[in-house]
Amino acid sequence: MVSSTPETITTELSRDHLVPSRRRIKLPPWLEVAKPRLIPLLLATTLGGMALSEGWPLPSPRLACTLGGGALAAAAAGALNCLWEQDLDGRMQRTSGRALPSGRLSPMGVFTGAISCTLAASALLVGGVNCLAAGLSLLGLCSYVLLYTAFLKPRTSQNIVFGGVAGAIPPLVGAAAATGHVGLGGWWLFALVMVWTPAHFWALAILLKDDYKSVGIPMLPVVKGPAFTAKAISRYGWATVFVSGLGFWALPEGGLLYGILLLPFNARLLQMIKRLDSAPEDLSLAKGLFRWSILYMFGVCLLLVISRQSMAVQLDIQGIALLKQMMMALPVV
């Protein structure tokens, strides 16, 4: 029986503090490297891309193949990320207990699993959806592993600004799955995820600043400090609010309901950003913003799906009719 030393207890408590969005849940090693907690949001934005297209709703088999292929591609990307960063993870307090640095999985086993997931994702998307969706999914995988993880992350404090393209590709996959091409709506949601990502990630980076600093990763809070980062979060937060409002026009129908329901989401986002800007060293505020930013993107995608329902379409028709009546009632000058 191994006794817990004060140093061990301190490390465990500190690591609990560093993981802000959930309780520490022990996952099987093979599932842990797939980073399953990231996959639901990627699939939500894929659904959002579908809902923005004229092909919505999709036939059930194609919907299942798209989401299944997307989940497998995301799992492969997570595994390859863990494989590439295993040495770095071993030196970081937050990640030292992961399956690879702790020796619970072998690098060859993870690599084999990642390649298997990639091939399965490609087969599912090519066979059950179309080649464009499959190609975009592979592009997202390569962007995450090569562009962000291998090239940008260790070199620049703006890594997530450009590397965020990897997380913004699922809406394009969804649009391609629905219609065979990427229309205006898909590109709008791509842009929204791109401007949302820095504010979302930098809130987490403020929490993990010391961990990143200890291994020389130039995240923005490490290079410029929390105050500068909070200002940057504010700029990207306002950009997120502006771009999210454009969904009113990006939706084929139901934009009015989307616009109305979006207001409290944006108000809460700006409120939390303002609080962090006023006290950038307060980790509880950074933690709260990080959590809300995840719920925010889930909420936007849910609103997109709701806005394609017949109720929302009817509201659009009635709203336009009411606007026309008001315009006609205005006195002619």
C-alpha atoms as a PDB file:
ATOM      1  CA  MET A   1       0.000   0.000   0.000  1.00  0.00           C
ATOM      2  CA  VAL A   2       1.380   3.386  -1.050  1.00  0.00           C
ATOM      3  CA  SER A   3       0.809   6.257   1.367  1.00  0.00           C
ATOM      4  CA  SER A   4      -0.020   9.746   0.161  1.00  0.00           C
ATOM      5  CA  THR A   5       2.740  12.211   0.942  1.00  0.00           C
ATOM      6  CA  PRO A   6       2.030  15.922   1.431  1.00  0.00           C
ATOM      7  CA  GLU A   7       3.762  16.578  -1.907  1.00  0.00           C
ATOM      8  CA  THR A   8       1.493  14.091  -3.696  1.00  0.00           C
ATOM      9  CA  ILE A   9      -1.620  15.598  -2.161  1.00  0.00           C
ATOM     10  CA  THR A  10      -0.491  19.107  -3.140  1.00  0.00           C
ATOM     11  CA  THR A  11       0.145  17.977  -6.727  1.00  0.00           C
ATOM     12  CA  GLU A  12      -3.284  16.349  -6.981  1.00  0.00           C
ATOM     13  CA  LEU A  13      -5.061  19.399  -5.580  1.00  0.00           C
ATOM     14  CA  SER A  14      -3.142  21.698  -7.882  1.00  0.00           C
ATOM     15  CA  ARG A  15      -3.935  19.557 -10.904  1.00  0.00           C
ATOM     16  CA  ASP A  16      -7.623  19.546  -9.958  1.00  0.00           C
ATOM     17  CA  HIS A  17      -7.476  23.322  -9.896  1.00  0.00           C
ATOM     18  CA  LEU A  18      -5.915  23.454 -13.348  1.00  0.00           C
ATOM     19  CA  VAL A  19      -8.648  21.396 -15.026  1.00  0.00           C
ATOM     20  CA  PRO A  20     -11.472  23.938 -15.010  1.00  0.00           C
ATOM     21  CA  SER A  21     -14.348  22.485 -16.976  1.00  0.00           C
ATOM     22  CA  ARG A  22     -15.063  19.160 -15.316  1.00  0.00           C
ATOM     23  CA  ARG A  23     -14.327  16.797 -12.473  1.00  0.00           C
ATOM     24  CA  ARG A  24     -11.432  14.462 -13.058  1.00  0.00           C
ATOM     25  CA  ILE A  25     -13.022  11.335 -14.522  1.00  0.00           C
ATOM     26  CA  LYS A  26     -10.764   8.390 -15.183  1.00  0.00           C
ATOM     27  CA  LEU A  27     -11.189   7.168 -18.747  1.00  0.00           C
ATOM     28  CA  PRO A  28      -9.763   4.000 -20.276  1.00  0.00           C
ATOM     29  CA  PRO A  29      -6.335   4.843 -21.757  1.00  0.00           C
ATOM     30  CA  TRP A  30      -7.387   4.144 -25.352  1.00  0.00           C
ATOM     31  CA  LEU A  31     -10.370   6.476 -24.947  1.00  0.00           C
ATOM     32  CA  GLU A  32      -8.379   9.146 -23.124  1.00  0.00           C
ATOM     33  CA  VAL A  33      -5.982   9.726 -26.049  1.00  0.00           C
ATOM     34  CA  ALA A  34      -8.950  10.282 -28.372  1.00  0.00           C
ATOM     35  CA  LYS A  35      -9.896  13.386 -26.291  1.00  0.00           C
ATOM     36  CA  PRO A  36     -13.616  12.499 -26.293  1.00  0.00           C
ATOM     37  CA  ARG A  37     -14.624  15.629 -24.380  1.00  0.00           C
ATOM     38  CA  LEU A  38     -13.751  17.745 -27.419  1.00  0.00           C
ATOM     39  CA  ILE A  39     -15.774  15.696 -29.899  1.00  0.00           C
ATOM     40  CA  PRO A  40     -19.368  16.716 -28.956  1.00  0.00           C
ATOM     41  CA  LEU A  41     -18.728  20.399 -29.713  1.00  0.00           C
ATOM     42  CA  LEU A  42     -17.129  19.517 -33.060  1.00  0.00           C
ATOM     43  CA  LEU A  43     -20.185  17.429 -33.935  1.00  0.00           C
ATOM     44  CA  ALA A  44     -22.491  20.250 -32.787  1.00  0.00           C
ATOM     45  CA  THR A  45     -20.860  22.669 -35.237  1.00  0.00           C
ATOM     46  CA  THR A  46     -21.116  19.988 -37.930  1.00  0.00           C
ATOM     47  CA  LEU A  47     -24.871  19.873 -37.281  1.00  0.00           C
ATOM     48  CA  GLY A  48     -24.925  23.662 -37.388  1.00  0.00           C
ATOM     49  CA  GLY A  49     -23.341  23.584 -40.840  1.00  0.00           C
ATOM     50  CA  MET A  50     -26.008  21.145 -41.981  1.00  0.00           C
ATOM     51  CA  ALA A  51     -28.832  23.279 -40.566  1.00  0.00           C
ATOM     52  CA  LEU A  52     -27.559  26.288 -42.515  1.00  0.00           C
ATOM     53  CA  SER A  53     -27.936  24.502 -45.847  1.00  0.00           C
ATOM     54  CA  GLU A  54     -30.868  23.972 -48.186  1.00  0.00           C
ATOM     55  CA  GLY A  55     -30.342  20.213 -47.795  1.00  0.00           C
ATOM     56  CA  TRP A  56     -31.609  20.206 -44.197  1.00  0.00           C
ATOM     57  CA  PRO A  57     -32.830  17.857 -42.788  1.00  0.00           C
ATOM     58  CA  LEU A  58     -30.498  15.126 -43.994  1.00  0.00           C
ATOM     59  CA  PRO A  59     -31.577  11.508 -44.509  1.00  0.00           C
ATOM     60  CA  SER A  60     -30.804   9.509 -41.358  1.00  0.00           C
ATOM     61  CA  PRO A  61     -28.134   7.245 -42.935  1.00  0.00           C
ATOM     62  CA  ARG A  62     -26.189  10.215 -44.308  1.00  0.00           C
ATOM     63  CA  LEU A  63     -26.516  12.078 -41.009  1.00  0.00           C
ATOM     64  CA  ALA A  64     -25.204   9.063 -39.092  1.00  0.00           C
ATOM     65  CA  CYS A  65     -22.286   8.569 -41.498  1.00  0.00           C
ATOM     66  CA  THR A  66     -21.340  12.260 -41.280  1.00  0.00           C
ATOM     67  CA  LEU A  67     -21.356  12.368 -37.499  1.00  0.00           C
ATOM     68  CA  GLY A  68     -19.714   8.963 -37.172  1.00  0.00           C
ATOM     69  CA  GLY A  69     -16.979   9.852 -39.636  1.00  0.00           C
ATOM     70  CA  GLY A  70     -16.453  13.210 -37.961  1.00  0.00           C
ATOM     71  CA  ALA A  71     -16.141  11.587 -34.536  1.00  0.00           C
ATOM     72  CA  LEU A  72     -13.585   9.072 -35.834  1.00  0.00           C
ATOM     73  CA  ALA A  73     -11.539  11.791 -37.547  1.00  0.00           C
ATOM     74  CA  ALA A  74     -11.594  13.904 -34.362  1.00  0.00           C
ATOM     75  CA  ALA A  75     -10.502  10.880 -32.310  1.00  0.00           C
ATOM     76  CA  ALA A  76      -7.617  10.268 -34.717  1.00  0.00           C
ATOM     77  CA  ALA A  77      -6.573  13.918 -34.466  1.00  0.00           C
ATOM     78  CA  GLY A  78      -6.649  13.766 -30.671  1.00  0.00           C
ATOM     79  CA  ALA A  79      -4.536  10.612 -30.617  1.00  0.00           C
ATOM     80  CA  LEU A  80      -1.955  12.041 -33.030  1.00  0.00           C
ATOM     81  CA  ASN A  81      -1.823  15.216 -30.941  1.00  0.00           C
ATOM     82  CA  CYS A  82      -1.102  13.146 -27.811  1.00  0.00           C
ATOM     83  CA  LEU A  83       1.524  11.185 -29.707  1.00  0.00           C
ATOM     84  CA  TRP A  84       3.296  14.308 -30.952  1.00  0.00           C
ATOM     85  CA  GLU A  85       3.236  15.999 -27.549  1.00  0.00           C
ATOM     86  CA  GLN A  86       3.949  13.009 -25.291  1.00  0.00           C
ATOM     87  CA  ASP A  87       7.287  14.418 -24.097  1.00  0.00           C
ATOM     88  CA  LEU A  88       5.778  17.852 -23.521  1.00  0.00           C
ATOM     89  CA  ASP A  89       2.792  16.321 -21.710  1.00  0.00           C
ATOM     90  CA  GLY A  90       5.155  14.447 -19.420  1.00  0.00           C
ATOM     91  CA  ARG A  91       6.708  17.733 -18.287  1.00  0.00           C
ATOM     92  CA  MET A  92       3.426  19.605 -17.753  1.00  0.00           C
ATOM     93  CA  GLN A  93       1.645  19.230 -14.435  1.00  0.00           C
ATOM     94  CA  ARG A  94      -1.810  19.167 -16.013  1.00  0.00           C
ATOM     95  CA  THR A  95      -1.007  16.424 -18.525  1.00  0.00           C
ATOM     96  CA  SER A  96       1.694  14.330 -16.866  1.00  0.00           C
ATOM     97  CA  GLY A  97      -0.800  11.612 -15.975  1.00  0.00           C
ATOM     98  CA  ARG A  98      -2.017  11.086 -19.545  1.00  0.00           C
ATOM     99  CA  ALA A  99      -1.860   7.617 -21.036  1.00  0.00           C
ATOM    100  CA  LEU A 100       1.304   8.086 -23.111  1.00  0.00           C
ATOM    101  CA  PRO A 101       3.637   9.926 -20.693  1.00  0.00           C
ATOM    102  CA  SER A 102       2.527   7.669 -17.837  1.00  0.00           C
ATOM    103  CA  GLY A 103       3.294   4.561 -19.896  1.00  0.00           C
ATOM    104  CA  ARG A 104      -0.243   3.144 -19.895  1.00  0.00           C
ATOM    105  CA  LEU A 105      -0.213   3.054 -23.707  1.00  0.00           C
ATOM    106  CA  SER A 106       2.626   2.520 -26.153  1.00  0.00           C
ATOM    107  CA  PRO A 107       3.367   5.052 -28.926  1.00  0.00           C
ATOM    108  CA  MET A 108       3.019   2.332 -31.587  1.00  0.00           C
ATOM    109  CA  GLY A 109      -0.371   1.319 -30.227  1.00  0.00           C
ATOM    110  CA  VAL A 110      -1.616   4.923 -30.302  1.00  0.00           C
ATOM    111  CA  PHE A 111      -0.264   5.459 -33.816  1.00  0.00           C
ATOM    112  CA  THR A 112      -1.931   2.275 -35.063  1.00  0.00           C
ATOM    113  CA  GLY A 113      -5.222   3.301 -33.477  1.00  0.00           C
ATOM    114  CA  ALA A 114      -5.036   6.793 -34.989  1.00  0.00           C
ATOM    115  CA  ILE A 115      -4.379   5.449 -38.487  1.00  0.00           C
ATOM    116  CA  SER A 116      -7.212   2.931 -38.095  1.00  0.00           C
ATOM    117  CA  CYS A 117      -9.621   5.698 -37.047  1.00  0.00           C
ATOM    118  CA  THR A 118      -8.502   7.869 -39.977  1.00  0.00           C
ATOM    119  CA  LEU A 119      -9.078   5.072 -42.489  1.00  0.00           C
ATOM    120  CA  ALA A 120     -12.446   4.192 -40.952  1.00  0.00           C
ATOM    121  CA  ALA A 121     -13.512   7.863 -41.030  1.00  0.00           C
ATOM    122  CA  SER A 122     -12.499   8.200 -44.673  1.00  0.00           C
ATOM    123  CA  ALA A 123     -14.329   5.014 -45.666  1.00  0.00           C
ATOM    124  CA  LEU A 124     -17.475   6.076 -43.813  1.00  0.00           C
ATOM    125  CA  LEU A 125     -17.518   9.582 -45.277  1.00  0.00           C
ATOM    126  CA  VAL A 126     -16.634   8.578 -48.829  1.00  0.00           C
ATOM    127  CA  GLY A 127     -19.034   5.648 -48.864  1.00  0.00           C
ATOM    128  CA  GLY A 128     -21.914   7.178 -46.918  1.00  0.00           C
ATOM    129  CA  VAL A 129     -21.636  10.904 -47.640  1.00  0.00           C
ATOM    130  CA  ASN A 130     -19.388  12.323 -50.381  1.00  0.00           C
ATOM    131  CA  CYS A 131     -15.752  12.931 -51.230  1.00  0.00           C
ATOM    132  CA  LEU A 132     -15.881  16.649 -50.384  1.00  0.00           C
ATOM    133  CA  ALA A 133     -17.011  15.950 -46.826  1.00  0.00           C
ATOM    134  CA  ALA A 134     -14.300  13.298 -46.489  1.00  0.00           C
ATOM    135  CA  GLY A 135     -11.608  15.618 -47.852  1.00  0.00           C
ATOM    136  CA  LEU A 136     -12.609  18.472 -45.555  1.00  0.00           C
ATOM    137  CA  SER A 137     -12.610  16.153 -42.550  1.00  0.00           C
ATOM    138  CA  LEU A 138      -9.071  15.023 -43.362  1.00  0.00           C
ATOM    139  CA  LEU A 139      -8.078  18.663 -43.841  1.00  0.00           C
ATOM    140  CA  GLY A 140      -9.329  19.422 -40.332  1.00  0.00           C
ATOM    141  CA  LEU A 141      -7.310  16.517 -38.948  1.00  0.00           C
ATOM    142  CA  CYS A 142      -4.124  17.633 -40.701  1.00  0.00           C
ATOM    143  CA  SER A 143      -4.670  21.266 -39.683  1.00  0.00           C
ATOM    144  CA  TYR A 144      -4.899  20.318 -36.022  1.00  0.00           C
ATOM    145  CA  VAL A 145      -1.921  17.976 -35.964  1.00  0.00           C
ATOM    146  CA  LEU A 146       0.461  19.659 -38.402  1.00  0.00           C
ATOM    147  CA  LEU A 147      -0.527  23.340 -38.575  1.00  0.00           C
ATOM    148  CA  TYR A 148      -1.486  23.939 -34.929  1.00  0.00           C
ATOM    149  CA  THR A 149       0.242  21.249 -32.831  1.00  0.00           C
ATOM    150  CA  ALA A 150       3.517  20.800 -34.710  1.00  0.00           C
ATOM    151  CA  PHE A 151       4.106  24.230 -36.268  1.00  0.00           C
ATOM    152  CA  LEU A 152       2.216  27.092 -34.602  1.00  0.00           C
ATOM    153  CA  LYS A 153       1.823  26.083 -30.951  1.00  0.00           C
ATOM    154  CA  PRO A 154       5.535  26.059 -30.027  1.00  0.00           C
ATOM    155  CA  ARG A 155       6.410  29.121 -32.141  1.00  0.00           C
ATOM    156  CA  THR A 156       3.943  31.978 -31.732  1.00  0.00           C
ATOM    157  CA  SER A 157       1.584  33.463 -29.163  1.00  0.00           C
ATOM    158  CA  GLN A 158      -0.968  33.819 -31.975  1.00  0.00           C
ATOM    159  CA  ASN A 159      -1.018  30.043 -32.451  1.00  0.00           C
ATOM    160  CA  ILE A 160      -4.712  29.625 -31.719  1.00  0.00           C
ATOM    161  CA  VAL A 161      -5.714  32.529 -33.987  1.00  0.00           C
ATOM    162  CA  PHE A 162      -4.436  30.742 -37.078  1.00  0.00           C
ATOM    163  CA  GLY A 163      -4.560  27.209 -35.711  1.00  0.00           C
ATOM    164  CA  GLY A 164      -8.237  27.671 -34.920  1.00  0.00           C
ATOM    165  CA  VAL A 165      -8.958  26.781 -38.529  1.00  0.00           C
ATOM    166  CA  ALA A 166      -8.868  23.109 -37.494  1.00  0.00           C
ATOM    167  CA  GLY A 167     -11.820  23.544 -35.135  1.00  0.00           C
ATOM    168  CA  ALA A 168     -13.680  25.676 -37.675  1.00  0.00           C
ATOM    169  CA  ILE A 169     -13.728  23.052 -40.445  1.00  0.00           C
ATOM    170  CA  PRO A 170     -16.586  20.834 -39.069  1.00  0.00           C
ATOM    171  CA  PRO A 171     -19.268  23.341 -40.215  1.00  0.00           C
ATOM    172  CA  LEU A 172     -17.856  23.027 -43.738  1.00  0.00           C
ATOM    173  CA  VAL A 173     -18.060  19.237 -43.437  1.00  0.00           C
ATOM    174  CA  GLY A 174     -21.699  19.544 -42.375  1.00  0.00           C
ATOM    175  CA  ALA A 175     -22.561  21.856 -45.262  1.00  0.00           C
ATOM    176  CA  ALA A 176     -20.784  19.591 -47.752  1.00  0.00           C
ATOM    177  CA  ALA A 177     -22.623  16.556 -46.377  1.00  0.00           C
ATOM    178  CA  ALA A 178     -25.987  18.275 -46.795  1.00  0.00           C
ATOM    179  CA  THR A 179     -25.614  19.664 -50.313  1.00  0.00           C
ATOM    180  CA  GLY A 180     -22.340  18.455 -51.829  1.00  0.00           C
ATOM    181  CA  HIS A 181     -20.882  21.968 -51.705  1.00  0.00           C
ATOM    182  CA  VAL A 182     -20.112  24.663 -49.120  1.00  0.00           C
ATOM    183  CA  GLY A 183     -22.479  27.595 -49.328  1.00  0.00           C
ATOM    184  CA  LEU A 184     -22.623  30.976 -47.637  1.00  0.00           C
ATOM    185  CA  GLY A 185     -24.069  29.558 -44.428  1.00  0.00           C
ATOM    186  CA  GLY A 186     -21.241  27.081 -43.984  1.00  0.00           C
ATOM    187  CA  TRP A 187     -18.611  29.769 -44.495  1.00  0.00           C
ATOM    188  CA  TRP A 188     -20.413  32.049 -42.032  1.00  0.00           C
ATOM    189  CA  LEU A 189     -20.297  29.409 -39.279  1.00  0.00           C
ATOM    190  CA  PHE A 190     -16.655  28.729 -40.180  1.00  0.00           C
ATOM    191  CA  ALA A 191     -15.936  32.443 -39.615  1.00  0.00           C
ATOM    192  CA  LEU A 192     -17.882  32.481 -36.344  1.00  0.00           C
ATOM    193  CA  VAL A 193     -15.921  29.545 -34.917  1.00  0.00           C
ATOM    194  CA  MET A 194     -12.668  31.184 -36.040  1.00  0.00           C
ATOM    195  CA  VAL A 195     -13.330  34.433 -34.132  1.00  0.00           C
ATOM    196  CA  TRP A 196     -14.852  32.606 -31.138  1.00  0.00           C
ATOM    197  CA  THR A 197     -11.874  30.266 -30.670  1.00  0.00           C
ATOM    198  CA  PRO A 198      -9.240  32.771 -29.401  1.00  0.00           C
ATOM    199  CA  ALA A 199     -11.539  34.200 -26.728  1.00  0.00           C
ATOM    200  CA  HIS A 200     -12.527  30.685 -25.676  1.00  0.00           C
ATOM    201  CA  PHE A 201      -9.014  29.283 -25.579  1.00  0.00           C
ATOM    202  CA  TRP A 202      -7.231  32.282 -24.059  1.00  0.00           C
ATOM    203  CA  ALA A 203      -9.564  32.129 -21.059  1.00  0.00           C
ATOM    204  CA  LEU A 204      -8.243  28.610 -20.474  1.00  0.00           C
ATOM    205  CA  ALA A 205      -4.677  29.725 -21.192  1.00  0.00           C
ATOM    206  CA  ILE A 206      -4.903  32.293 -18.372  1.00  0.00           C
ATOM    207  CA  LEU A 207      -5.675  29.420 -16.005  1.00  0.00           C
ATOM    208  CA  LEU A 208      -2.816  27.310 -17.336  1.00  0.00           C
ATOM    209  CA  LYS A 209      -0.306  30.145 -17.733  1.00  0.00           C
ATOM    210  CA  ASP A 210       2.227  28.770 -15.248  1.00  0.00           C
ATOM    211  CA  ASP A 211       2.004  25.275 -16.707  1.00  0.00           C
ATOM    212  CA  TYR A 212       2.644  26.551 -20.240  1.00  0.00           C
ATOM    213  CA  LYS A 213       5.438  28.806 -19.004  1.00  0.00           C
ATOM    214  CA  SER A 214       7.203  25.911 -17.307  1.00  0.00           C
ATOM    215  CA  VAL A 215       7.664  24.106 -20.631  1.00  0.00           C
ATOM    216  CA  GLY A 216       8.276  27.147 -22.838  1.00  0.00           C
ATOM    217  CA  ILE A 217       5.011  27.199 -24.793  1.00  0.00           C
ATOM    218  CA  PRO A 218       4.441  30.843 -25.872  1.00  0.00           C
ATOM    219  CA  MET A 219       0.742  31.152 -25.134  1.00  0.00           C
ATOM    220  CA  LEU A 220      -0.474  34.737 -25.083  1.00  0.00           C
ATOM    221  CA  PRO A 221      -0.827  35.006 -21.261  1.00  0.00           C
ATOM    222  CA  VAL A 222       2.755  33.719 -20.910  1.00  0.00           C
ATOM    223  CA  VAL A 223       4.201  36.203 -23.416  1.00  0.00           C
ATOM    224  CA  LYS A 224       2.034  39.262 -22.751  1.00  0.00           C
ATOM    225  CA  GLY A 225       0.406  38.597 -19.385  1.00  0.00           C
ATOM    226  CA  PRO A 226      -3.247  38.194 -18.267  1.00  0.00           C
ATOM    227  CA  ALA A 227      -4.148  41.895 -18.624  1.00  0.00           C
ATOM    228  CA  PHE A 228      -3.097  42.034 -22.274  1.00  0.00           C
ATOM    229  CA  THR A 229      -4.809  38.698 -22.883  1.00  0.00           C
ATOM    230  CA  ALA A 230      -8.061  39.940 -21.339  1.00  0.00           C
ATOM    231  CA  LYS A 231      -8.015  42.912 -23.730  1.00  0.00           C
ATOM    232  CA  ALA A 232      -7.482  40.541 -26.655  1.00  0.00           C
ATOM    233  CA  ILE A 233     -10.325  38.346 -25.415  1.00  0.00           C
ATOM    234  CA  SER A 234     -12.547  41.425 -25.330  1.00  0.00           C
ATOM    235  CA  ARG A 235     -11.759  42.261 -28.957  1.00  0.00           C
ATOM    236  CA  TYR A 236     -12.461  38.748 -30.149  1.00  0.00           C
ATOM    237  CA  GLY A 237     -15.549  38.583 -27.955  1.00  0.00           C
ATOM    238  CA  TRP A 238     -17.028  41.642 -29.643  1.00  0.00           C
ATOM    239  CA  ALA A 239     -16.093  40.164 -33.027  1.00  0.00           C
ATOM    240  CA  THR A 240     -17.904  36.971 -32.023  1.00  0.00           C
ATOM    241  CA  VAL A 241     -21.044  38.921 -31.126  1.00  0.00           C
ATOM    242  CA  PHE A 242     -20.937  40.817 -34.423  1.00  0.00           C
ATOM    243  CA  VAL A 243     -20.371  37.740 -36.587  1.00  0.00           C
ATOM    244  CA  SER A 244     -22.976  35.703 -34.700  1.00  0.00           C
ATOM    245  CA  GLY A 245     -25.572  38.346 -35.560  1.00  0.00           C
ATOM    246  CA  LEU A 246     -24.941  37.789 -39.261  1.00  0.00           C
ATOM    247  CA  GLY A 247     -26.574  34.388 -38.863  1.00  0.00           C
ATOM    248  CA  PHE A 248     -29.879  36.231 -39.287  1.00  0.00           C
ATOM    249  CA  TRP A 249     -28.998  36.520 -42.995  1.00  0.00           C
ATOM    250  CA  ALA A 250     -26.949  33.320 -43.299  1.00  0.00           C
ATOM    251  CA  LEU A 251     -29.905  31.095 -42.396  1.00  0.00           C
ATOM    252  CA  PRO A 252     -32.074  30.100 -45.380  1.00  0.00           C
ATOM    253  CA  GLU A 253     -35.135  30.634 -43.159  1.00  0.00           C
ATOM    254  CA  GLY A 254     -35.940  31.147 -39.493  1.00  0.00           C
ATOM    255  CA  GLY A 255     -33.457  33.980 -39.037  1.00  0.00           C
ATOM    256  CA  LEU A 256     -35.841  36.103 -36.983  1.00  0.00           C
ATOM    257  CA  LEU A 257     -36.243  33.522 -34.224  1.00  0.00           C
ATOM    258  CA  TYR A 258     -32.489  32.903 -34.257  1.00  0.00           C
ATOM    259  CA  GLY A 259     -31.788  36.634 -33.876  1.00  0.00           C
ATOM    260  CA  ILE A 260     -34.208  37.007 -30.955  1.00  0.00           C
ATOM    261  CA  LEU A 261     -32.964  33.962 -29.053  1.00  0.00           C
ATOM    262  CA  LEU A 262     -29.323  34.903 -29.656  1.00  0.00           C
ATOM    263  CA  LEU A 263     -29.590  38.159 -27.684  1.00  0.00           C
ATOM    264  CA  PRO A 264     -29.291  36.687 -24.147  1.00  0.00           C
ATOM    265  CA  PHE A 265     -26.391  34.466 -25.246  1.00  0.00           C
ATOM    266  CA  ASN A 266     -24.444  37.459 -26.510  1.00  0.00           C
ATOM    267  CA  ALA A 267     -25.366  39.606 -23.526  1.00  0.00           C
ATOM    268  CA  ARG A 268     -24.047  36.986 -21.115  1.00  0.00           C
ATOM    269  CA  LEU A 269     -20.862  36.507 -23.136  1.00  0.00           C
ATOM    270  CA  LEU A 270     -20.102  40.238 -23.114  1.00  0.00           C
ATOM    271  CA  GLN A 271     -20.907  40.469 -19.411  1.00  0.00           C
ATOM    272  CA  MET A 272     -18.391  37.761 -18.528  1.00  0.00           C
ATOM    273  CA  ILE A 273     -15.758  39.233 -20.843  1.00  0.00           C
ATOM    274  CA  LYS A 274     -16.179  42.640 -19.206  1.00  0.00           C
ATOM    275  CA  ARG A 275     -15.756  41.123 -15.745  1.00  0.00           C
ATOM    276  CA  LEU A 276     -12.539  39.388 -16.762  1.00  0.00           C
ATOM    277  CA  ASP A 277     -11.252  42.572 -18.372  1.00  0.00           C
ATOM    278  CA  SER A 278     -11.759  44.429 -15.074  1.00  0.00           C
ATOM    279  CA  ALA A 279      -9.931  41.726 -13.057  1.00  0.00           C
ATOM    280  CA  PRO A 280      -7.697  39.712 -15.414  1.00  0.00           C
ATOM    281  CA  GLU A 281      -5.801  38.034 -12.562  1.00  0.00           C
ATOM    282  CA  ASP A 282      -8.995  36.527 -11.119  1.00  0.00           C
ATOM    283  CA  LEU A 283      -8.833  32.876 -12.157  1.00  0.00           C
ATOM    284  CA  SER A 284     -12.447  32.232 -11.187  1.00  0.00           C
ATOM    285  CA  LEU A 285     -13.560  34.759 -13.811  1.00  0.00           C
ATOM    286  CA  ALA A 286     -11.364  33.130 -16.460  1.00  0.00           C
ATOM    287  CA  LYS A 287     -12.768  29.737 -15.489  1.00  0.00           C
ATOM    288  CA  GLY A 288     -16.333  31.027 -15.739  1.00  0.00           C
ATOM    289  CA  LEU A 289     -15.734  32.567 -19.151  1.00  0.00           C
ATOM    290  CA  PHE A 290     -14.132  29.378 -20.437  1.00  0.00           C
ATOM    291  CA  ARG A 291     -17.110  27.327 -19.317  1.00  0.00           C
ATOM    292  CA  TRP A 292     -19.650  29.768 -20.722  1.00  0.00           C
ATOM    293  CA  SER A 293     -17.874  29.992 -24.070  1.00  0.00           C
ATOM    294  CA  ILE A 294     -18.406  26.251 -24.544  1.00  0.00           C
ATOM    295  CA  LEU A 295     -22.093  26.531 -23.685  1.00  0.00           C
ATOM    296  CA  TYR A 296     -22.303  29.559 -25.971  1.00  0.00           C
ATOM    297  CA  MET A 297     -21.196  27.644 -29.059  1.00  0.00           C
ATOM    298  CA  PHE A 298     -23.429  24.690 -28.215  1.00  0.00           C
ATOM    299  CA  GLY A 299     -26.271  27.195 -27.817  1.00  0.00           C
ATOM    300  CA  VAL A 300     -25.653  28.881 -31.172  1.00  0.00           C
ATOM    301  CA  CYS A 301     -25.691  25.511 -32.939  1.00  0.00           C
ATOM    302  CA  LEU A 302     -28.888  24.540 -31.135  1.00  0.00           C
ATOM    303  CA  LEU A 303     -30.482  27.827 -32.208  1.00  0.00           C
ATOM    304  CA  LEU A 304     -29.541  27.100 -35.823  1.00  0.00           C
ATOM    305  CA  VAL A 305     -31.298  23.741 -35.673  1.00  0.00           C
ATOM    306  CA  ILE A 306     -34.353  25.211 -33.910  1.00  0.00           C
ATOM    307  CA  SER A 307     -34.529  28.017 -36.471  1.00  0.00           C
ATOM    308  CA  ARG A 308     -35.058  25.496 -39.287  1.00  0.00           C
ATOM    309  CA  GLN A 309     -38.236  24.149 -37.677  1.00  0.00           C
ATOM    310  CA  SER A 310     -41.635  25.010 -39.150  1.00  0.00           C
ATOM    311  CA  MET A 311     -42.491  27.194 -36.133  1.00  0.00           C
ATOM    312  CA  ALA A 312     -39.487  29.415 -36.814  1.00  0.00           C
ATOM    313  CA  VAL A 313     -40.289  29.630 -40.517  1.00  0.00           C
ATOM    314  CA  GLN A 314     -43.843  30.705 -39.692  1.00  0.00           C
ATOM    315  CA  LEU A 315     -42.494  33.384 -37.347  1.00  0.00           C
ATOM    316  CA  ASP A 316     -40.294  34.645 -40.167  1.00  0.00           C
ATOM    317  CA  ILE A 317     -43.269  34.962 -42.514  1.00  0.00           C
ATOM    318  CA  GLN A 318     -45.378  36.757 -39.923  1.00  0.00           C
ATOM    319  CA  GLY A 319     -42.506  39.038 -38.950  1.00  0.00           C
ATOM    320  CA  ILE A 320     -41.854  40.073 -42.542  1.00  0.00           C
ATOM    321  CA  ALA A 321     -45.565  40.665 -43.109  1.00  0.00           C
ATOM    322  CA  LEU A 322     -45.743  42.835 -39.982  1.00  0.00           C
ATOM    323  CA  LEU A 323     -42.702  44.815 -41.081  1.00  0.00           C
ATOM    324  CA  LYS A 324     -44.270  45.466 -44.478  1.00  0.00           C
ATOM    325  CA  GLN A 325     -47.465  46.702 -42.825  1.00  0.00           C
ATOM    326  CA  MET A 326     -45.478  49.062 -40.613  1.00  0.00           C
ATOM    327  CA  MET A 327     -43.576  50.399 -43.597  1.00  0.00           C
ATOM    328  CA  MET A 328     -46.769  50.995 -45.517  1.00  0.00           C
ATOM    329  CA  ALA A 329     -48.300  52.808 -42.558  1.00  0.00           C
ATOM    330  CA  LEU A 330     -45.468  55.327 -42.425  1.00  0.00           C
ATOM    331  CA  PRO A 331     -46.441  58.762 -43.739  1.00  0.00           C
ATOM    332  CA  VAL A 332     -45.075  59.625 -47.150  1.00  0.00           C
ATOM    333  CA  VAL A 333     -42.910  62.756 -47.029  1.00  0.00           C
END
